[in-house]
Amino acid sequence: MKDFFICDCSRFENKVITSTFVVVTKQVKPKKTGDPYLALTLADRSGHLEAKMWDNVEEALDAFEQDDFLKVKGLLNKYKNRFQLTIHKLRLLLDSEIDFADYLPKTTKDIGELWQTLAGFVASFQNPHLKALVEAFMADPEIAEAYRNAPAAKSLHHAYIGGLLDHVVSLCRSCDLMCRNYPHLNRDLLLTGAFLHDIGKIYELTYNRSFSYTTRGQLLGHMVIELEMLQAKIAQVPGFPADLKTLIEHLVISHHGQYDFGSPKLPMFPEALLLHYLDDLDSKMESMRAQFERETSESGWSGYNSSLGRPLLNTTKFLEKKEDREPEKKLEETAAVAEAVTAAQPEVTPTLSGIDLPEDLPEDLPEKEPSPM
């Protein structure tokens, strides 16, 4: 197992590290002098790390390609508030040196339990056509195996083994809750849309070494692939209503919600609109969770999240810090108030109000005889 993971960067800042990574991207760029340098994105199961190699580049140019595994030695530091590795040396790893579990992140949840939860939602369907359709997908061994292991995205959200299933189960739970609040919705139709909306990603993405796009995925995209898959499975369900097929197709092609987000159509009925918003919400919540897991400063603020277009505040860490300082703050405030009150009081000489003492009172007064009992 690796000794260093990318999530450990903060503990090794400004230190030389030696570790192994998978190459996610490889680019050859020119320096100001015209000489080449290497710009890489390296990864392991805990995250991604930008890396640059400035010296001895000619020796490394043809030594490896994208998706290869490297052993790297270099200086880890921050550039524009992001960790970056300056590579001194690298070499290609042999397959015998690789433990693939070190490089691809995987859900911490039980895949079998997630799959059973999903099957439970399908078993609750009242519409026999939709139930038969989704069960046909789940009964297909190739599709089921891929569905249980595929990531939901390359990098933006649920980008880990089992991410697609994790995302869909979470989405189904949200859909089920919303149907209780809006009883006029067609629950079976909405849940069918949740099950199918990203199913094309099992063929759009490849995840043997790192998460990247297949050629078919790059050329067609998951929505086109999903329509093909849907057509093939509906043909196996006798008497499937044509109007119901059209509604499912619209759920698939409109779930991105906006033209700017690659949606061919805007959501045009309630279930389609809700699917878009819940899908978008679940992806954003996961993006935030993953950002906090990767890095958050002691103040609670994370770095800039490019997919959300903003830095993020971890409220749990932010409030914990305030609570930790609360007793100390109260003591400081109490001491400050006491000091202020003391400083504001004038010096007072004690007097006996209402009693006039003679000015020539002798210094030594005779003791008074005790009263007889």
Protein backbone atom coordinates (compact mmCIF):
# COMPACT_ATOMS: atom_id res chain seq x y z
CA MET A 1 0.00 0.00 0.00
CA LYS A 2 1.09 3.56 -0.66
CA ASP A 3 2.72 5.51 2.18
CA PHE A 4 1.49 8.87 0.90
CA PHE A 5 -1.98 9.78 -0.39
CA ILE A 6 -3.01 13.09 -1.92
CA CYS A 7 -5.33 13.78 1.01
CA ASP A 8 -2.15 13.99 3.17
CA CYS A 9 -0.76 17.01 1.30
CA SER A 10 -1.19 19.47 4.16
CA ARG A 11 1.08 17.36 6.39
CA PHE A 12 3.86 17.30 3.79
CA GLU A 13 3.83 20.89 2.56
CA ASN A 14 7.28 22.13 1.46
CA LYS A 15 8.70 18.62 1.74
CA VAL A 16 10.14 16.21 -0.82
CA ILE A 17 7.91 13.16 -1.19
CA THR A 18 8.23 9.87 -3.05
CA SER A 19 5.00 8.10 -3.97
CA THR A 20 3.04 6.42 -6.76
CA PHE A 21 0.17 7.82 -8.81
CA VAL A 22 -1.92 7.19 -11.89
CA VAL A 23 -1.61 9.75 -14.71
CA VAL A 24 -5.02 11.35 -15.37
CA THR A 25 -3.80 13.92 -17.91
CA LYS A 26 -0.48 14.53 -19.66
CA GLN A 27 0.40 17.69 -21.56
CA VAL A 28 3.64 18.93 -23.07
CA LYS A 29 3.87 22.73 -22.93
CA PRO A 30 6.55 25.27 -23.87
CA LYS A 31 8.49 27.33 -21.34
CA LYS A 32 9.20 30.99 -22.07
CA THR A 33 12.51 29.81 -23.50
CA GLY A 34 10.69 27.49 -25.89
CA ASP A 35 11.93 24.33 -24.18
CA PRO A 36 9.22 21.81 -23.21
CA TYR A 37 7.92 21.03 -19.75
CA LEU A 38 5.42 18.43 -18.56
CA ALA A 39 2.08 19.41 -17.01
CA LEU A 40 0.39 16.42 -15.39
CA THR A 41 -2.66 15.65 -13.32
CA LEU A 42 -1.85 12.80 -10.97
CA ALA A 43 -4.37 10.87 -8.90
CA ASP A 44 -4.89 8.24 -6.27
CA ARG A 45 -8.05 7.14 -4.52
CA SER A 46 -8.06 10.23 -2.29
CA GLY A 47 -7.96 12.93 -4.96
CA HIS A 48 -6.10 14.73 -7.76
CA LEU A 49 -2.83 16.67 -7.73
CA GLU A 50 -1.37 18.98 -10.34
CA ALA A 51 2.29 18.30 -11.14
CA LYS A 52 4.98 19.97 -13.25
CA MET A 53 8.31 18.63 -14.48
CA TRP A 54 10.73 21.34 -15.57
CA ASP A 55 14.09 19.58 -15.89
CA ASN A 56 15.26 16.50 -17.81
CA VAL A 57 11.94 16.55 -19.63
CA GLU A 58 13.28 15.00 -22.86
CA GLU A 59 14.06 11.77 -21.00
CA ALA A 60 10.51 11.54 -19.62
CA LEU A 61 8.47 12.61 -22.66
CA ASP A 62 8.04 9.14 -24.13
CA ALA A 63 8.49 7.15 -20.93
CA PHE A 64 4.76 7.01 -20.08
CA GLU A 65 1.26 7.91 -21.30
CA GLN A 66 -2.09 8.87 -19.80
CA ASP A 67 -3.53 6.14 -17.54
CA ASP A 68 -0.06 4.77 -16.80
CA PHE A 69 1.18 4.40 -13.22
CA LEU A 70 4.28 6.28 -12.09
CA LYS A 71 6.61 6.38 -9.14
CA VAL A 72 7.44 10.03 -8.57
CA LYS A 73 9.86 12.01 -6.42
CA GLY A 74 9.35 15.75 -6.03
CA LEU A 75 8.76 18.84 -3.92
CA LEU A 76 5.23 19.44 -2.66
CA ASN A 77 4.19 23.05 -2.14
CA LYS A 78 1.34 25.47 -2.75
CA TYR A 79 0.83 27.59 -5.85
CA LYS A 80 -2.14 30.00 -5.85
CA ASN A 81 -3.46 28.25 -2.72
CA ARG A 82 -3.50 24.84 -4.41
CA PHE A 83 -1.04 22.03 -3.79
CA GLN A 84 1.32 21.30 -6.65
CA LEU A 85 4.12 18.79 -7.08
CA THR A 86 7.38 19.79 -8.76
CA ILE A 87 8.72 16.51 -10.13
CA HIS A 88 12.44 15.74 -9.84
CA LYS A 89 12.39 12.11 -10.96
CA LEU A 90 9.82 9.63 -12.26
CA ARG A 91 9.64 6.10 -13.60
CA LEU A 92 6.96 3.85 -15.06
CA LEU A 93 5.55 1.20 -12.71
CA LEU A 94 5.11 -2.42 -13.72
CA ASP A 95 1.71 -4.05 -13.27
CA SER A 96 3.22 -6.30 -10.58
CA GLU A 97 3.99 -3.18 -8.51
CA ILE A 98 0.42 -1.84 -8.62
CA ASP A 99 -2.36 -2.31 -6.09
CA PHE A 100 -5.33 -0.91 -8.05
CA ALA A 101 -7.27 -0.30 -4.84
CA ASP A 102 -4.83 2.54 -4.07
CA TYR A 103 -5.80 4.56 -7.12
CA LEU A 104 -9.55 4.38 -7.71
CA PRO A 105 -11.77 5.80 -4.95
CA LYS A 106 -14.68 3.60 -3.92
CA THR A 107 -17.87 4.22 -1.99
CA THR A 108 -17.62 3.44 1.71
CA LYS A 109 -21.20 2.13 1.64
CA ASP A 110 -22.15 -1.51 1.12
CA ILE A 111 -22.84 -2.06 -2.59
CA GLY A 112 -25.10 -5.03 -1.87
CA GLU A 113 -27.23 -3.04 0.56
CA LEU A 114 -27.54 -0.14 -1.90
CA TRP A 115 -28.64 -2.55 -4.64
CA GLN A 116 -31.27 -4.11 -2.34
CA THR A 117 -32.55 -0.65 -1.40
CA LEU A 118 -32.95 0.18 -5.08
CA ALA A 119 -34.73 -3.13 -5.71
CA GLY A 120 -37.07 -2.30 -2.82
CA PHE A 121 -38.13 0.94 -4.50
CA VAL A 122 -38.83 -0.91 -7.77
CA ALA A 123 -40.81 -3.60 -5.95
CA SER A 124 -43.14 -0.87 -4.63
CA PHE A 125 -44.15 0.27 -8.14
CA GLN A 126 -47.88 0.13 -8.90
CA ASN A 127 -47.55 0.53 -12.68
CA PRO A 128 -46.86 -2.96 -14.15
CA HIS A 129 -45.21 -1.61 -17.32
CA LEU A 130 -42.71 0.60 -15.48
CA LYS A 131 -42.02 -2.14 -12.95
CA ALA A 132 -41.34 -4.69 -15.71
CA LEU A 133 -39.09 -2.23 -17.56
CA VAL A 134 -36.84 -1.38 -14.60
CA GLU A 135 -36.71 -5.02 -13.50
CA ALA A 136 -35.57 -5.95 -17.02
CA PHE A 137 -32.62 -3.58 -16.64
CA MET A 138 -31.76 -4.91 -13.17
CA ALA A 139 -31.99 -8.53 -14.34
CA ASP A 140 -29.50 -7.97 -17.17
CA PRO A 141 -26.18 -9.33 -15.76
CA GLU A 142 -23.93 -7.01 -17.80
CA ILE A 143 -25.95 -3.90 -16.97
CA ALA A 144 -26.38 -4.84 -13.30
CA GLU A 145 -22.65 -5.44 -12.78
CA ALA A 146 -21.72 -2.17 -14.46
CA TYR A 147 -24.47 -0.23 -12.64
CA ARG A 148 -23.18 -1.44 -9.27
CA ASN A 149 -19.61 -0.30 -9.98
CA ALA A 150 -19.73 2.72 -12.30
CA PRO A 151 -18.96 6.26 -11.11
CA ALA A 152 -21.70 8.86 -11.55
CA ALA A 153 -19.28 11.32 -13.16
CA LYS A 154 -15.65 11.72 -14.16
CA SER A 155 -14.88 14.33 -11.52
CA LEU A 156 -17.77 16.64 -10.55
CA HIS A 157 -19.81 14.45 -8.18
CA HIS A 158 -19.95 10.84 -6.98
CA ALA A 159 -16.69 10.26 -8.88
CA TYR A 160 -15.83 6.92 -7.32
CA ILE A 161 -16.52 3.22 -7.80
CA GLY A 162 -20.16 2.66 -6.84
CA GLY A 163 -20.89 6.37 -7.28
CA LEU A 164 -23.70 5.89 -9.80
CA LEU A 165 -25.59 3.47 -7.54
CA ASP A 166 -24.97 5.65 -4.48
CA HIS A 167 -26.28 8.71 -6.35
CA VAL A 168 -29.38 6.95 -7.70
CA VAL A 169 -30.36 5.47 -4.31
CA SER A 170 -29.98 8.92 -2.72
CA LEU A 171 -32.05 10.42 -5.53
CA CYS A 172 -34.77 7.78 -5.13
CA ARG A 173 -35.06 8.58 -1.43
CA SER A 174 -35.47 12.28 -2.24
CA CYS A 175 -38.05 11.50 -4.94
CA ASP A 176 -40.01 9.33 -2.53
CA LEU A 177 -40.10 12.11 0.07
CA MET A 178 -41.20 14.71 -2.48
CA CYS A 179 -44.04 12.48 -3.67
CA ARG A 180 -45.38 12.45 -0.11
CA ASN A 181 -45.37 16.24 -0.12
CA TYR A 182 -46.81 16.50 -3.66
CA PRO A 183 -49.29 13.60 -3.90
CA HIS A 184 -50.42 14.58 -7.41
CA LEU A 185 -47.05 13.39 -8.81
CA ASN A 186 -46.70 10.06 -10.59
CA ARG A 187 -44.29 8.36 -8.16
CA ASP A 188 -43.53 5.35 -10.41
CA LEU A 189 -42.73 7.59 -13.36
CA LEU A 190 -40.47 9.84 -11.26
CA LEU A 191 -38.56 6.89 -9.76
CA THR A 192 -38.18 5.32 -13.20
CA GLY A 193 -36.60 8.57 -14.35
CA ALA A 194 -34.25 8.50 -11.34
CA PHE A 195 -33.18 4.94 -12.18
CA LEU A 196 -32.60 5.65 -15.89
CA HIS A 197 -31.37 9.27 -15.99
CA ASP A 198 -27.65 8.38 -15.80
CA ILE A 199 -27.65 4.70 -16.76
CA GLY A 200 -25.80 5.49 -20.00
CA LYS A 201 -22.75 6.38 -17.93
CA ILE A 202 -21.96 2.68 -17.55
CA TYR A 203 -20.85 2.90 -21.21
CA GLU A 204 -19.91 6.60 -21.36
CA LEU A 205 -17.17 6.32 -18.70
CA THR A 206 -14.26 3.97 -18.30
CA TYR A 207 -12.76 3.29 -14.90
CA ASN A 208 -10.17 0.54 -15.19
CA ARG A 209 -7.22 2.79 -14.30
CA SER A 210 -8.66 6.28 -13.94
CA PHE A 211 -12.00 7.87 -14.66
CA SER A 212 -12.17 8.98 -18.30
CA TYR A 213 -14.50 8.89 -21.30
CA THR A 214 -14.84 6.02 -23.72
CA THR A 215 -14.75 6.89 -27.40
CA ARG A 216 -18.48 6.19 -27.65
CA GLY A 217 -19.13 8.27 -24.58
CA GLN A 218 -17.07 11.14 -25.95
CA LEU A 219 -18.86 11.07 -29.31
CA LEU A 220 -22.45 10.41 -28.20
CA GLY A 221 -22.83 11.26 -24.50
CA HIS A 222 -24.80 9.32 -21.94
CA MET A 223 -28.25 10.61 -22.93
CA VAL A 224 -28.05 9.27 -26.48
CA ILE A 225 -26.72 5.97 -25.14
CA GLU A 226 -29.62 5.84 -22.67
CA LEU A 227 -32.21 6.26 -25.42
CA GLU A 228 -30.66 3.32 -27.28
CA MET A 229 -30.69 1.20 -24.11
CA LEU A 230 -34.28 2.19 -23.37
CA GLN A 231 -35.42 1.26 -26.89
CA ALA A 232 -33.84 -2.20 -26.58
CA LYS A 233 -35.36 -2.94 -23.16
CA ILE A 234 -38.85 -1.64 -23.97
CA ALA A 235 -38.90 -4.10 -26.88
CA GLN A 236 -38.67 -6.87 -24.27
CA VAL A 237 -41.77 -5.66 -22.36
CA PRO A 238 -44.93 -6.74 -24.23
CA GLY A 239 -47.55 -4.05 -24.79
CA PHE A 240 -45.50 -1.17 -23.38
CA PRO A 241 -47.60 2.01 -23.95
CA ALA A 242 -46.15 4.39 -26.54
CA ASP A 243 -47.18 7.48 -24.55
CA LEU A 244 -45.41 6.18 -21.45
CA LYS A 245 -42.28 5.56 -23.51
CA THR A 246 -42.36 9.19 -24.70
CA LEU A 247 -42.60 10.47 -21.11
CA ILE A 248 -39.59 8.37 -20.06
CA GLU A 249 -37.59 9.61 -23.04
CA HIS A 250 -38.37 13.19 -22.03
CA LEU A 251 -37.24 12.48 -18.45
CA VAL A 252 -33.93 11.24 -19.83
CA ILE A 253 -33.21 14.07 -22.28
CA SER A 254 -34.40 16.94 -20.03
CA HIS A 255 -32.82 16.00 -16.69
CA HIS A 256 -29.93 18.47 -17.11
CA GLY A 257 -32.61 21.13 -16.93
CA GLN A 258 -31.14 23.91 -19.08
CA TYR A 259 -29.83 24.25 -22.61
CA ASP A 260 -26.58 25.66 -21.22
CA PHE A 261 -26.09 22.44 -19.27
CA GLY A 262 -26.40 20.26 -22.37
CA SER A 263 -30.11 19.53 -22.08
CA PRO A 264 -31.76 19.06 -25.53
CA LYS A 265 -35.13 19.94 -23.98
CA LEU A 266 -36.32 21.83 -20.92
CA PRO A 267 -38.37 19.82 -18.39
CA MET A 268 -42.00 20.16 -19.47
CA PHE A 269 -44.03 18.22 -16.90
CA PRO A 270 -43.87 18.06 -13.07
CA GLU A 271 -41.97 14.79 -12.74
CA ALA A 272 -39.34 15.95 -15.23
CA LEU A 273 -38.87 19.29 -13.47
CA LEU A 274 -38.56 17.67 -10.06
CA LEU A 275 -36.12 15.05 -11.38
CA HIS A 276 -33.87 17.83 -12.68
CA TYR A 277 -33.86 19.80 -9.44
CA LEU A 278 -33.36 16.79 -7.18
CA ASP A 279 -30.59 15.43 -9.42
CA ASP A 280 -28.88 18.82 -9.39
CA LEU A 281 -29.30 19.12 -5.61
CA ASP A 282 -27.88 15.66 -4.91
CA SER A 283 -24.85 16.28 -7.12
CA LYS A 284 -24.13 19.65 -5.45
CA MET A 285 -24.47 18.23 -1.93
CA GLU A 286 -22.03 15.46 -2.81
CA SER A 287 -19.63 17.95 -4.40
CA MET A 288 -19.61 19.94 -1.15
CA ARG A 289 -19.17 16.83 1.01
CA ALA A 290 -16.25 15.64 -1.09
CA GLN A 291 -14.61 19.09 -0.99
CA PHE A 292 -14.77 19.15 2.81
CA GLU A 293 -13.35 15.63 2.96
CA ARG A 294 -10.43 16.63 0.75
CA GLU A 295 -9.52 19.91 2.39
CA THR A 296 -10.84 22.51 4.79
CA SER A 297 -8.81 25.09 6.68
CA GLU A 298 -8.96 25.46 10.44
CA SER A 299 -11.36 28.38 9.95
CA GLY A 300 -13.82 26.08 8.18
CA TRP A 301 -13.30 27.55 4.70
CA SER A 302 -12.33 25.32 1.79
CA GLY A 303 -10.55 26.35 -1.36
CA TYR A 304 -12.38 27.40 -4.52
CA ASN A 305 -14.81 24.77 -5.83
CA SER A 306 -14.67 25.06 -9.61
CA SER A 307 -17.90 23.13 -10.28
CA LEU A 308 -19.90 25.35 -7.91
CA GLY A 309 -17.96 28.51 -8.70
CA ARG A 310 -17.30 29.53 -5.09
CA PRO A 311 -15.33 28.73 -1.93
CA LEU A 312 -17.25 26.71 0.64
CA LEU A 313 -17.75 27.01 4.41
CA ASN A 314 -17.83 23.85 6.51
CA THR A 315 -20.34 24.98 9.14
CA THR A 316 -19.56 22.05 11.45
CA LYS A 317 -15.87 22.95 11.68
CA PHE A 318 -16.68 26.68 11.83
CA LEU A 319 -19.06 26.25 14.79
CA GLU A 320 -16.77 23.77 16.55
CA LYS A 321 -14.03 26.38 16.53
CA LYS A 322 -16.36 28.98 18.06
CA GLU A 323 -17.54 26.53 20.72
CA ASP A 324 -13.96 25.63 21.59
CA ARG A 325 -13.20 29.31 22.25
CA GLU A 326 -16.45 30.05 24.08
CA PRO A 327 -15.30 29.23 27.68
CA GLU A 328 -12.06 31.15 27.16
CA LYS A 329 -13.98 34.06 25.65
CA LYS A 330 -16.42 34.18 28.56
CA LEU A 331 -13.58 34.24 31.10
CA GLU A 332 -11.92 37.06 29.19
CA GLU A 333 -15.20 39.01 29.05
CA THR A 334 -15.88 38.46 32.80
CA ALA A 335 -12.39 39.62 33.74
CA ALA A 336 -12.72 42.67 31.49
CA VAL A 337 -16.08 43.63 33.05
CA ALA A 338 -14.72 43.22 36.59
CA GLU A 339 -11.72 45.34 35.75
CA ALA A 340 -13.90 48.02 34.23
CA VAL A 341 -16.23 48.12 37.26
CA THR A 342 -13.30 48.36 39.65
CA ALA A 343 -11.72 51.16 37.65
CA ALA A 344 -14.98 53.13 37.62
CA GLN A 345 -15.51 53.05 41.43
CA PRO A 346 -14.27 56.23 43.37
CA GLU A 347 -12.24 55.80 46.54
CA VAL A 348 -14.62 56.15 49.55
CA THR A 349 -13.74 56.73 53.24
CA PRO A 350 -16.09 54.75 55.49
CA THR A 351 -18.37 56.91 57.75
CA LEU A 352 -21.02 56.32 60.43
CA SER A 353 -24.04 58.04 59.04
CA GLY A 354 -26.10 60.12 61.54
CA ILE A 355 -23.55 60.02 64.42
CA ASP A 356 -21.51 63.09 65.43
CA LEU A 357 -18.36 62.17 67.23
CA PRO A 358 -16.71 64.80 69.48
CA GLU A 359 -13.54 66.21 68.11
CA ASP A 360 -11.69 65.84 71.47
CA LEU A 361 -12.49 62.17 71.91
CA PRO A 362 -9.63 60.65 73.95
CA GLU A 363 -7.49 58.07 72.31
CA ASP A 364 -7.93 55.54 75.15
CA LEU A 365 -11.47 54.98 76.40
CA PRO A 366 -12.13 53.11 79.66
CA GLU A 367 -13.58 49.71 79.26
CA LYS A 368 -17.27 49.52 80.08
CA GLU A 369 -18.20 47.38 83.07
CA PRO A 370 -20.14 44.34 82.10
CA SER A 371 -23.83 44.43 82.91
CA PRO A 372 -24.89 42.24 85.83
CA MET A 373 -26.65 39.09 84.72
